[in-house]
Amino acid sequence: MPLPAAASPAPAGAADTLQPDTSAVPMSGLLVLVSAAFFMQTLDSTIVNTAVPAMAEALGVTPLGMRSALTSYVLTLAILIPASPWLCDRFGTRRVFGAAIGLFALGSLLCGISQTLPQLVASRVLQGCGGAALLPVGRAVLVRSVPRHDFVRVTSLVSTFGLLGSVLGPLLGGALTEFTSWRLIFLLNVPVGIVGVWMNRRNMPDYRLERAHRFDFSGFLLFAVASALLLTASELVGETPIRWPCVGACFAMALLLGLAYLWHCRRTEHPVADLRLLRVRSVWVSLAGGLFTRLGVAGMFLLVVLFLQVGCGWSPLAAGLMMVPQALGSICAKWAIDRALARLGYRRMLLGNTMVVAVLLATFALLGPGTPVALIAALMFLYGGFMGLQYTTMNTLIYVDLDVKHAGMASSMASTAQYLAMSFGIALATLLMEAFLPSHAQQGYVSAFRWTVLVLAAITAAAGRVFVHLRHDRPPQA
């Protein structure tokens, strides 16, 4: 199946979807619905990170031992996201999106009543089963519904409303943890989910195929097991003593299954992740660049919270308040992305911005318990702003050279790569902290934080080399 190297209109008669009645689906309602789903996810992730020390104390583990509760959710997203295009083709975007919101809310409820770490991890997996369809389905529907020349602007707008969760999350997480219970941070998703299910029935268009192709279960199983084995290996590295034979076996099996999937993909008409899209330069650069960049930055939110609460002795609410400048910086940056891309193009934008992010990461190593609050807030704002530019640019790059008929698959692959990188980025950050941690005393966390951010800064700078492969100074298409 040859792929286009640039965007082109679908040939006459090639439409394979049941087009929804757009007159009954206001665009404003669709944007609010997708934004609300993004809000629910960002609220959950930021709230959880802020409450990690309190959750660890309640469940009887160390703060770094909460790694599995964070990575299990993100890895579940990565594993199940590739199934979302087929589910939409088979059952329609409206049913899939509504079911995802409901399942996410149910998982949140179970998280809120969990009594042990294994129970919490299992509930987070269920939560991830619902969350796996929210971002890719939302993005794919926007790609189909929004004109190409408005896509970057609409994506920025939706992401901005989604980022409100990043603003409210730390505040709510800190306040609820300090004055009530960390369990409420999950239970808040339940009423939001109920409203989301109601809005979905009214505002979500129902794109689907008249006859869905057969689901690639073999490819899905190969990908899922390989991803789970990789994360299992990273979890085993964090144990003391390290069981190197088990680690090596997990890595070897994951590599073998990954190679098996490459072989399988070439011989399957409708693979669960169509690697043939990688023939398009903007696609493979977007996926590879996003993967390696997030390895360096995905764990920063958790690291900063641990640094402030455990290393500097801040309260949960004070640490949560310090996360707000980062979210505000991201929101402010969204309004500048159109102008920046028009002036610089994707290549110069990503090369320059990645280097700035790396420098800002290294600057965090200068912080300590005596650093003025205003300086920490300023650094968090700058970091959030440039990360907002980075994420939006990487997330839109994958679509610029693709026909709209590949939007669902591209959205699925982008989300999968994003969450895989996030899960391994969180695991990497916590493993580095444990490696550099001389003791669980307050000063030990400060020293470990400084060395960890320096390593992550070097990883992020190296990731910038991927964007060299983009065409020179190419502005986004109008």
Foldseek 3Di string as FASTA:
>chain_A
DDFFLFADADDPPPDFKDFFPVVQADPVLLLVLLLLLLQLVLLLLLLCLLCLCVVCVQQVHHSLVLLLLNLLLLLLLLLCLLCQVLCCQVPWLLVLLLVLLVQLLVLLLQCLPDRHSVSSSVSSSSNSNSSSNSQLSSQLQCLVVPDPVCNLVSVLVSVLSSLVSLQVNLQCSQCCVVPNNNSVSSNVSNVSSVVSSVSSVRHPGTIYGPDRDDAPVVLSVLQSQLLVLQLVLLVQVLDVPRPVVSSVVSNVSSVVSVVVSVVVLVVDPDHSANCSLVVHPLLVLLLLLLLLLLLLVLQVSSLQSCLCCQQQVDGSNVSSNLSNLLSVLLSVLSVCLQVVLQVQNLLRLLLVLLLVLLVLLLVVLPDHNPDDSVVSSVSSNVNSNSVSNNVSSSLCSNPQGRYSVCSSSSSSSNSSSNSSSSSNSSSLLSSQLVVQQPDSHNNSSSRSSNVSSNVSSVSSNVSSVSSVPDDHRDGGDD
